[in-house]
Amino acid sequence: MKYLPKLIDIATKAVTTVDDTQSINDAISLMYKENHREIIILSNTKKGFGIIKANDLIRLKSDNIDFNTKLKDIKYDKIFSTHYKTSIPDAIEEIGFNGNSLCLVDDDDKLCGFVSYHDIISSVDPQLMLEKQTLSDMLLSSFVKKADINDLTKDVIELMDDTIYDCVIIFDENNSVGILTTKDIIKLFGESKDLNLPVSNYMRSPLVKVKHTTTLSQALKFIQQQKFKRLIIEDFAGNVIGQITQKELMARVYSRWADFLRDKTMHLSSINSKLQSKTTQLEQLASTDNLTSLYNRAKFEQRLKYEISRATRYENQEFSIVLFDVDHFKNINDTYGHLAGDMVLKKIAEVVKNTIRSTDLACRWGGEEFFIIYPLTNLKQAFEASEKLRIAINKLEFDDMKNISCSFGVTKFNKSDSIQSILARADKAMYKAKNNGRNRVEIEE
């Protein structure tokens, strides 16, 4: 059996507090120490509790408020409190009226916990609340129109002329025995019935009633199955204590929980979005070179395996790769320092990103070496793309540094290739470029 959790069970009990005679800096120190985004303010001169949040600190900072100022001398929000035994539905309603959180107090009005809207959303199933909350919790008014069983029908009809309800409960002394509704009246008018007869002649009987302990879930099911327009509610002794129409029941139930359900959905959506974002970030971290933001060696090898598999399995799926490195890079580091060398690699990476296609994949292989995979690209096309990139890199300008050049080695995939063989061929082509004077593109078939 499912049970609604108690409010105190989902609340934060170790509440961080600060006295309003302390300074803003004192509050910040406590928030930092406890890793909290808000802190409860206690006061000996003001009733209730206050709260200061991270956003408030930002506002105070932008207003140039001295953080040595005492909390009692600044404007802060009041946070409402409720008894720790308050029911979950009532707590939701209180939060709805009074902000996004509540302080919980014990029998002596001492602070014993802190609960936010999201604490409840994260801990409670809305359907469970429909199963636990009763009609008596929802009954806003005990007003019902009553008539005696011997009253004339025309007089009973007049009772409905000025009432917000569309029915009258008929009593025989203290016992409710029947009901007359506006629908019944239409029938009486339509059939030209004698309205001077006692209402007992036309009332519907017996009167169907439901106990005030009926849950909202049961009430919704009952009213839908019976196709009733209203429910007459009685207490344990059988006394009529109120009524609620189908429209009111649906409106009160769904308006009361609509915000809750929406917030729960938004909360879960937010969590899911954050998880997806974190997953994406972790994937990017795992596959990205920290310095250049190009893909790293692991990502390159993963993609190369995929391209080899695709080219092996299907016809007309050729691809090419290029390996290039920075000419005389050691001299750059030795002459200008490693920070200058890092700057060179970053700028080259930017040129690569702006030059290759979205379908291509570039990686920093290690040190000053870079690889590019050109999918669906033959050797001639790969050569032309590499030549374009070589020229763009050679045009880069650096303060106090000569133009940078790179040597490129291009090769295409052959059906008999393994990862090692195609990489070795690209490496051979690159060293051919270096041996032939650097700052050039060479091919190895």
Protein backbone atom coordinates (compact mmCIF):
# COMPACT_ATOMS: atom_id res chain seq x y z
CA MET A 1 0.00 0.00 0.00
CA LYS A 2 1.28 3.46 -0.89
CA TYR A 3 1.44 6.18 1.72
CA LEU A 4 1.93 9.88 1.42
CA PRO A 5 5.22 10.82 3.06
CA LYS A 6 5.13 13.12 6.05
CA LEU A 7 6.18 16.69 5.44
CA ILE A 8 8.97 16.48 8.00
CA ASP A 9 10.35 13.37 6.25
CA ILE A 10 11.00 15.19 2.99
CA ALA A 11 12.16 18.43 4.61
CA THR A 12 15.72 19.56 5.19
CA LYS A 13 16.19 19.28 8.94
CA ALA A 14 19.72 20.64 9.22
CA VAL A 15 18.66 24.20 8.45
CA THR A 16 21.40 26.81 8.27
CA THR A 17 20.40 29.94 10.18
CA VAL A 18 21.88 33.33 10.94
CA ASP A 19 20.80 35.99 13.42
CA ASP A 20 19.68 39.30 11.93
CA THR A 21 22.21 41.10 14.13
CA GLN A 22 24.96 39.46 12.09
CA SER A 23 26.31 40.89 8.85
CA ILE A 24 25.78 39.95 5.21
CA ASN A 25 29.36 38.67 5.20
CA ASP A 26 28.52 36.36 8.11
CA ALA A 27 25.61 34.96 6.12
CA ILE A 28 27.81 34.44 3.06
CA SER A 29 30.42 32.62 5.14
CA LEU A 30 27.81 30.22 6.51
CA MET A 31 26.26 29.65 3.08
CA TYR A 32 29.69 28.93 1.64
CA LYS A 33 30.64 26.63 4.49
CA GLU A 34 27.41 24.62 4.28
CA ASN A 35 27.23 24.81 0.45
CA HIS A 36 23.70 26.28 0.57
CA ARG A 37 22.08 28.73 -1.82
CA GLU A 38 19.86 30.21 0.88
CA ILE A 39 19.96 30.82 4.61
CA ILE A 40 17.17 31.36 7.15
CA ILE A 41 17.30 34.60 9.13
CA LEU A 42 16.25 34.55 12.78
CA SER A 43 15.21 37.68 14.62
CA ASN A 44 14.52 38.53 18.25
CA THR A 45 12.56 41.63 17.29
CA LYS A 46 10.56 40.45 14.28
CA LYS A 47 8.03 37.65 14.28
CA GLY A 48 8.60 34.71 11.99
CA PHE A 49 11.54 33.96 9.73
CA GLY A 50 13.36 35.64 6.89
CA ILE A 51 15.34 34.20 4.02
CA ILE A 52 18.25 35.45 1.96
CA LYS A 53 19.24 33.71 -1.26
CA ALA A 54 22.08 33.86 -3.73
CA ASN A 55 20.01 36.11 -6.00
CA ASP A 56 19.56 38.54 -3.11
CA LEU A 57 23.32 38.72 -2.66
CA ILE A 58 23.71 39.53 -6.34
CA ARG A 59 21.12 42.31 -5.99
CA LEU A 60 22.83 43.71 -2.91
CA LYS A 61 26.17 43.63 -4.68
CA SER A 62 24.79 45.47 -7.71
CA ASP A 63 23.26 48.05 -5.36
CA ASN A 64 26.72 48.59 -3.84
CA ILE A 65 25.53 47.58 -0.37
CA ASP A 66 28.39 47.17 2.11
CA PHE A 67 28.52 43.47 3.02
CA ASN A 68 29.45 44.44 6.58
CA THR A 69 25.89 45.78 6.95
CA LYS A 70 23.77 43.93 9.50
CA LEU A 71 20.97 41.81 8.10
CA LYS A 72 18.35 43.65 10.14
CA ASP A 73 19.25 46.83 8.25
CA ILE A 74 18.58 45.43 4.78
CA LYS A 75 15.41 44.35 3.03
CA TYR A 76 14.94 40.59 2.86
CA ASP A 77 12.02 38.31 2.08
CA LYS A 78 9.83 36.81 4.74
CA ILE A 79 9.36 33.05 4.64
CA PHE A 80 6.15 31.61 6.04
CA SER A 81 6.06 28.72 8.46
CA THR A 82 3.76 25.79 9.07
CA HIS A 83 3.54 23.03 11.64
CA TYR A 84 5.65 20.01 10.83
CA LYS A 85 2.53 17.80 10.93
CA THR A 86 0.82 19.79 8.16
CA SER A 87 -0.44 17.51 5.39
CA ILE A 88 1.30 17.45 2.04
CA PRO A 89 -1.74 18.86 0.13
CA ASP A 90 -2.12 21.72 2.62
CA ALA A 91 1.60 22.43 2.44
CA ILE A 92 1.39 22.66 -1.35
CA GLU A 93 -1.45 25.14 -1.04
CA GLU A 94 0.44 27.22 1.52
CA ILE A 95 3.53 27.29 -0.67
CA GLY A 96 1.35 28.25 -3.62
CA PHE A 97 0.09 31.28 -1.72
CA ASN A 98 3.31 32.22 0.04
CA GLY A 99 6.22 31.64 -2.31
CA ASN A 100 8.33 28.61 -3.11
CA SER A 101 9.23 27.26 0.32
CA LEU A 102 8.14 26.93 3.94
CA CYS A 103 9.80 26.73 7.32
CA LEU A 104 8.56 23.92 9.55
CA VAL A 105 8.05 24.57 13.25
CA ASP A 106 7.43 22.26 16.20
CA ASP A 107 4.83 22.56 18.94
CA ASP A 108 6.88 25.34 20.56
CA ASP A 109 7.13 27.28 17.27
CA LYS A 110 10.81 26.41 17.06
CA LEU A 111 12.35 25.96 13.62
CA CYS A 112 12.73 22.25 12.85
CA GLY A 113 12.91 22.04 9.07
CA PHE A 114 12.77 23.67 5.66
CA VAL A 115 10.84 22.40 2.64
CA SER A 116 10.62 23.70 -0.91
CA TYR A 117 8.10 23.13 -3.68
CA HIS A 118 10.65 21.00 -5.52
CA ASP A 119 11.23 18.87 -2.41
CA ILE A 120 7.55 17.92 -2.58
CA ILE A 121 7.51 17.52 -6.35
CA SER A 122 10.49 15.18 -6.16
CA SER A 123 8.97 13.06 -3.39
CA VAL A 124 5.23 12.78 -4.01
CA ASP A 125 3.16 11.06 -6.68
CA PRO A 126 0.23 13.40 -7.60
CA GLN A 127 -2.05 10.41 -8.22
CA LEU A 128 -1.37 9.26 -4.69
CA MET A 129 -2.64 12.57 -3.34
CA LEU A 130 -5.91 12.14 -5.23
CA GLU A 131 -6.22 8.77 -3.55
CA LYS A 132 -5.52 10.17 -0.09
CA GLN A 133 -7.34 13.50 -0.02
CA THR A 134 -11.04 13.37 0.83
CA LEU A 135 -14.10 15.36 -0.17
CA SER A 136 -14.15 17.04 3.24
CA ASP A 137 -10.73 18.50 2.41
CA MET A 138 -12.19 20.03 -0.75
CA LEU A 139 -15.57 21.12 0.60
CA LEU A 140 -15.38 24.90 0.61
CA SER A 141 -18.99 25.48 1.62
CA SER A 142 -21.59 23.57 3.59
CA PHE A 143 -24.36 25.63 2.00
CA VAL A 144 -27.28 23.61 0.63
CA LYS A 145 -30.88 24.61 -0.03
CA LYS A 146 -33.33 22.57 2.03
CA ALA A 147 -37.08 22.04 1.86
CA ASP A 148 -39.61 19.99 3.77
CA ILE A 149 -41.24 16.99 2.13
CA ASN A 150 -44.66 18.64 2.52
CA ASP A 151 -43.68 21.99 0.95
CA LEU A 152 -45.48 22.90 -2.25
CA THR A 153 -43.48 22.24 -5.37
CA LYS A 154 -43.84 25.84 -6.58
CA ASP A 155 -42.32 27.11 -3.32
CA VAL A 156 -39.42 24.70 -3.59
CA ILE A 157 -38.80 25.87 -7.15
CA GLU A 158 -38.61 29.47 -5.92
CA LEU A 159 -35.80 28.46 -3.56
CA MET A 160 -33.61 27.83 -6.58
CA ASP A 161 -34.29 31.24 -8.03
CA ASP A 162 -31.62 32.94 -5.94
CA THR A 163 -29.17 30.16 -5.21
CA ILE A 164 -25.88 29.35 -6.84
CA TYR A 165 -26.83 25.69 -6.68
CA ASP A 166 -29.26 24.00 -9.01
CA CYS A 167 -30.96 21.65 -6.57
CA VAL A 168 -32.87 21.51 -3.30
CA ILE A 169 -32.47 18.71 -0.75
CA ILE A 170 -35.82 17.46 0.56
CA PHE A 171 -36.08 16.56 4.25
CA ASP A 172 -38.60 14.59 6.27
CA GLU A 173 -37.98 16.12 9.65
CA ASN A 174 -34.20 15.64 10.09
CA ASN A 175 -33.72 12.97 7.46
CA SER A 176 -32.73 13.82 3.90
CA VAL A 177 -35.03 11.78 1.67
CA GLY A 178 -34.92 13.25 -1.81
CA ILE A 179 -33.75 15.91 -4.23
CA LEU A 180 -35.30 18.26 -6.77
CA THR A 181 -33.02 19.60 -9.49
CA THR A 182 -33.33 22.13 -12.31
CA LYS A 183 -33.51 19.19 -14.70
CA ASP A 184 -36.58 17.93 -12.82
CA ILE A 185 -38.13 21.39 -13.06
CA ILE A 186 -37.76 21.45 -16.84
CA LYS A 187 -39.61 18.14 -16.93
CA LEU A 188 -42.36 19.50 -14.67
CA PHE A 189 -42.78 22.55 -16.89
CA GLY A 190 -42.67 20.48 -20.05
CA GLU A 191 -45.34 18.09 -18.80
CA SER A 192 -47.43 20.91 -17.27
CA LYS A 193 -47.47 19.28 -13.85
CA ASP A 194 -49.46 20.74 -10.99
CA LEU A 195 -46.94 22.73 -8.99
CA ASN A 196 -49.36 23.21 -6.11
CA LEU A 197 -48.84 19.61 -5.06
CA PRO A 198 -46.30 18.72 -2.34
CA VAL A 199 -42.76 18.26 -3.62
CA SER A 200 -42.87 14.65 -2.42
CA ASN A 201 -44.85 13.91 -5.61
CA TYR A 202 -41.98 14.92 -7.88
CA MET A 203 -38.74 14.62 -5.94
CA ARG A 204 -36.23 11.94 -6.81
CA SER A 205 -35.81 9.42 -4.05
CA PRO A 206 -33.92 7.83 -2.43
CA LEU A 207 -31.22 10.48 -2.18
CA VAL A 208 -27.82 9.10 -3.12
CA LYS A 209 -25.14 10.43 -0.79
CA VAL A 210 -21.43 9.85 -0.35
CA LYS A 211 -19.42 10.02 2.85
CA HIS A 212 -17.19 13.00 3.48
CA THR A 213 -14.29 10.54 3.82
CA THR A 214 -14.61 9.55 0.14
CA THR A 215 -11.30 10.21 -1.60
CA LEU A 216 -11.09 12.48 -4.60
CA SER A 217 -10.08 9.54 -6.74
CA GLN A 218 -13.16 7.57 -5.62
CA ALA A 219 -15.43 10.60 -6.06
CA LEU A 220 -14.23 11.22 -9.60
CA LYS A 221 -14.75 7.58 -10.52
CA PHE A 222 -18.20 7.46 -8.89
CA ILE A 223 -19.51 10.65 -10.48
CA GLN A 224 -18.32 9.52 -13.91
CA GLN A 225 -19.76 6.01 -13.62
CA GLN A 226 -23.15 7.17 -12.30
CA LYS A 227 -23.24 10.17 -14.65
CA PHE A 228 -24.29 12.34 -11.71
CA LYS A 229 -24.11 16.09 -12.04
CA ARG A 230 -23.44 16.53 -8.33
CA LEU A 231 -22.51 14.68 -5.16
CA ILE A 232 -24.39 15.16 -1.91
CA ILE A 233 -21.95 14.77 0.96
CA GLU A 234 -22.87 13.41 4.38
CA ASP A 235 -20.99 12.95 7.63
CA PHE A 236 -20.69 9.74 9.65
CA ALA A 237 -24.12 10.34 11.23
CA GLY A 238 -25.78 10.64 7.82
CA ASN A 239 -26.28 14.40 8.05
CA VAL A 240 -25.97 16.34 4.80
CA ILE A 241 -22.99 18.68 5.17
CA GLY A 242 -22.67 19.99 1.65
CA GLN A 243 -22.65 19.29 -2.03
CA ILE A 244 -20.20 19.52 -4.87
CA THR A 245 -21.11 19.50 -8.54
CA GLN A 246 -19.29 17.50 -11.17
CA LYS A 247 -17.97 20.72 -12.67
CA GLU A 248 -16.74 22.00 -9.30
CA LEU A 249 -15.11 18.70 -8.43
CA MET A 250 -13.26 18.51 -11.72
CA ALA A 251 -12.29 22.17 -11.58
CA ARG A 252 -11.10 22.05 -7.98
CA VAL A 253 -9.18 18.83 -8.44
CA TYR A 254 -7.48 19.79 -11.65
CA SER A 255 -6.94 23.46 -10.90
CA ARG A 256 -5.46 22.51 -7.55
CA TRP A 257 -3.08 19.97 -9.01
CA ALA A 258 -2.51 21.45 -12.46
CA ASP A 259 0.32 23.67 -11.27
CA PHE A 260 1.73 20.81 -9.25
CA LEU A 261 1.67 18.44 -12.22
CA ARG A 262 3.07 21.09 -14.53
CA ASP A 263 5.86 21.88 -12.08
CA LYS A 264 6.58 18.18 -11.64
CA THR A 265 6.77 17.76 -15.41
CA MET A 266 8.93 20.85 -15.74
CA HIS A 267 11.12 19.66 -12.88
CA LEU A 268 11.58 16.22 -14.44
CA SER A 269 12.10 17.80 -17.84
CA SER A 270 14.70 20.10 -16.33
CA ILE A 271 16.45 17.17 -14.66
CA ASN A 272 16.37 15.22 -17.92
CA SER A 273 17.67 18.22 -19.84
CA LYS A 274 20.46 18.71 -17.33
CA LEU A 275 21.35 15.02 -17.47
CA GLN A 276 21.39 15.13 -21.26
CA SER A 277 23.50 18.27 -21.13
CA LYS A 278 25.89 16.68 -18.65
CA THR A 279 26.07 13.54 -20.78
CA THR A 280 26.83 15.63 -23.84
CA GLN A 281 29.44 17.58 -21.92
CA LEU A 282 31.06 14.38 -20.67
CA GLU A 283 31.03 12.92 -24.17
CA GLN A 284 32.63 16.10 -25.49
CA LEU A 285 35.25 16.05 -22.74
CA ALA A 286 36.01 12.41 -23.46
CA SER A 287 36.41 13.02 -27.19
CA THR A 288 37.86 16.53 -27.37
CA ASP A 289 41.42 17.82 -27.22
CA ASN A 290 41.64 20.34 -24.39
CA LEU A 291 44.01 22.74 -26.12
CA THR A 292 42.55 23.00 -29.62
CA SER A 293 38.93 21.84 -29.07
CA LEU A 294 39.37 19.53 -32.05
CA TYR A 295 38.56 15.86 -31.58
CA ASN A 296 41.20 13.78 -29.84
CA ARG A 297 43.00 10.63 -30.94
CA ALA A 298 40.43 8.27 -29.40
CA LYS A 299 37.57 9.91 -31.30
CA PHE A 300 39.57 9.84 -34.53
CA GLU A 301 40.30 6.12 -34.20
CA GLN A 302 36.63 5.42 -33.48
CA ARG A 303 35.54 7.31 -36.58
CA LEU A 304 38.28 5.73 -38.71
CA LYS A 305 37.05 2.24 -37.75
CA TYR A 306 33.55 3.25 -38.78
CA GLU A 307 34.69 4.62 -42.15
CA ILE A 308 36.75 1.48 -42.85
CA SER A 309 33.77 -0.72 -41.96
CA ARG A 310 31.45 1.27 -44.21
CA ALA A 311 33.88 1.39 -47.14
CA THR A 312 34.53 -2.35 -46.84
CA ARG A 313 30.85 -3.25 -46.75
CA TYR A 314 29.50 -0.97 -49.47
CA GLU A 315 30.58 0.08 -52.94
CA ASN A 316 31.32 3.73 -53.76
CA GLN A 317 32.06 4.57 -50.12
CA GLU A 318 35.68 5.60 -50.61
CA PHE A 319 37.31 8.02 -48.22
CA SER A 320 40.67 9.69 -47.76
CA ILE A 321 42.72 10.84 -44.80
CA VAL A 322 45.40 13.47 -44.37
CA LEU A 323 48.13 13.76 -41.77
CA PHE A 324 49.91 17.07 -41.33
CA ASP A 325 52.19 18.68 -38.80
CA VAL A 326 53.70 22.09 -38.16
CA ASP A 327 57.08 22.65 -39.78
CA HIS A 328 59.95 23.43 -37.38
CA PHE A 329 57.57 23.44 -34.40
CA LYS A 330 60.39 22.66 -31.96
CA ASN A 331 62.12 25.86 -33.03
CA ILE A 332 58.93 27.82 -32.31
CA ASN A 333 58.78 26.44 -28.77
CA ASP A 334 62.49 26.97 -28.18
CA THR A 335 62.49 30.52 -29.56
CA TYR A 336 59.15 31.93 -28.43
CA GLY A 337 58.18 29.61 -25.58
CA HIS A 338 55.56 26.92 -25.14
CA LEU A 339 52.72 29.41 -24.66
CA ALA A 340 53.46 30.79 -28.11
CA GLY A 341 53.54 27.23 -29.43
CA ASP A 342 50.13 26.57 -27.89
CA MET A 343 48.78 29.74 -29.51
CA VAL A 344 50.02 28.53 -32.91
CA LEU A 345 48.24 25.19 -32.48
CA LYS A 346 45.01 26.92 -31.44
CA LYS A 347 45.05 29.22 -34.46
CA ILE A 348 45.76 26.33 -36.80
CA ALA A 349 42.82 24.46 -35.24
CA GLU A 350 40.56 27.46 -35.89
CA VAL A 351 41.59 27.52 -39.54
CA VAL A 352 40.92 23.78 -39.80
CA LYS A 353 37.43 24.15 -38.32
CA ASN A 354 36.60 26.99 -40.70
CA THR A 355 37.96 25.18 -43.75
CA ILE A 356 36.76 21.57 -43.57
CA ARG A 357 33.20 20.42 -44.26
CA SER A 358 30.73 19.56 -41.51
CA THR A 359 30.97 15.90 -42.57
CA ASP A 360 34.76 15.84 -42.19
CA LEU A 361 36.46 15.02 -38.90
CA ALA A 362 39.65 16.69 -37.70
CA CYS A 363 41.67 15.69 -34.67
CA ARG A 364 44.84 16.62 -32.89
CA TRP A 365 46.80 13.38 -33.02
CA GLY A 366 49.42 14.54 -30.57
CA GLY A 367 52.00 17.29 -30.23
CA GLU A 368 51.91 19.30 -33.47
CA GLU A 369 50.36 16.52 -35.59
CA PHE A 370 46.80 16.61 -36.95
CA PHE A 371 44.65 14.10 -38.83
CA ILE A 372 41.60 14.75 -41.01
CA ILE A 373 39.13 12.19 -42.35
CA TYR A 374 37.45 13.16 -45.62
CA PRO A 375 34.40 10.85 -46.08
CA LEU A 376 33.19 10.10 -49.63
CA THR A 377 36.27 11.83 -51.00
CA ASN A 378 38.71 10.50 -53.60
CA LEU A 379 42.45 11.13 -53.62
CA LYS A 380 42.31 14.10 -55.99
CA GLN A 381 39.58 15.82 -53.97
CA ALA A 382 41.46 15.20 -50.72
CA PHE A 383 44.61 16.67 -52.24
CA GLU A 384 42.74 19.81 -53.31
CA ALA A 385 41.13 20.20 -49.87
CA SER A 386 44.52 19.79 -48.19
CA GLU A 387 46.13 22.31 -50.51
CA LYS A 388 43.42 24.83 -49.66
CA LEU A 389 44.05 24.24 -45.95
CA ARG A 390 47.83 24.51 -46.38
CA ILE A 391 47.49 27.92 -48.03
CA ALA A 392 45.09 29.18 -45.34
CA ILE A 393 47.49 28.15 -42.55
CA ASN A 394 50.44 29.70 -44.34
CA LYS A 395 48.59 33.04 -44.41
CA LEU A 396 48.24 33.17 -40.62
CA GLU A 397 50.01 36.13 -39.04
CA PHE A 398 51.69 36.16 -35.63
CA ASP A 399 53.38 38.96 -33.72
CA ASP A 400 57.19 38.69 -33.79
CA MET A 401 56.95 35.37 -35.61
CA LYS A 402 57.39 34.37 -39.22
CA ASN A 403 54.58 32.74 -41.14
CA ILE A 404 53.79 29.18 -40.11
CA SER A 405 53.81 26.34 -42.60
CA CYS A 406 52.65 22.72 -42.48
CA SER A 407 53.53 19.57 -44.41
CA PHE A 408 50.66 17.36 -45.56
CA GLY A 409 50.48 13.67 -46.43
CA VAL A 410 47.35 12.41 -48.21
CA THR A 411 46.19 8.87 -48.91
CA LYS A 412 42.94 7.08 -49.69
CA PHE A 413 41.46 3.88 -48.30
CA ASN A 414 42.14 0.65 -50.18
CA LYS A 415 39.97 -2.43 -49.68
CA SER A 416 42.92 -4.36 -48.24
CA ASP A 417 43.74 -1.64 -45.68
CA SER A 418 43.81 -2.02 -41.93
CA ILE A 419 43.92 0.93 -39.55
CA GLN A 420 47.68 0.53 -39.21
CA SER A 421 48.35 0.35 -42.95
CA ILE A 422 46.38 3.45 -43.92
CA LEU A 423 47.91 5.47 -41.07
CA ALA A 424 51.40 4.32 -42.04
CA ARG A 425 50.80 5.37 -45.64
CA ALA A 426 49.61 8.84 -44.57
CA ASP A 427 52.70 9.16 -42.36
CA LYS A 428 54.92 8.17 -45.29
CA ALA A 429 53.27 10.79 -47.51
CA MET A 430 53.77 13.51 -44.89
CA TYR A 431 57.48 12.74 -44.54
CA LYS A 432 57.75 12.83 -48.31
CA ALA A 433 56.42 16.41 -48.11
CA LYS A 434 59.01 17.28 -45.48
CA ASN A 435 61.84 15.72 -47.46
CA ASN A 436 60.73 17.63 -50.55
CA GLY A 437 61.08 21.02 -48.85
CA ARG A 438 58.11 21.25 -46.42
CA ASN A 439 55.04 23.50 -46.76
CA ARG A 440 53.55 21.21 -49.40
CA VAL A 441 51.07 18.36 -49.95
CA GLU A 442 52.21 14.92 -51.07
CA ILE A 443 50.23 11.79 -52.00
CA GLU A 444 50.94 8.15 -51.21
CA GLU A 445 48.69 5.63 -52.94
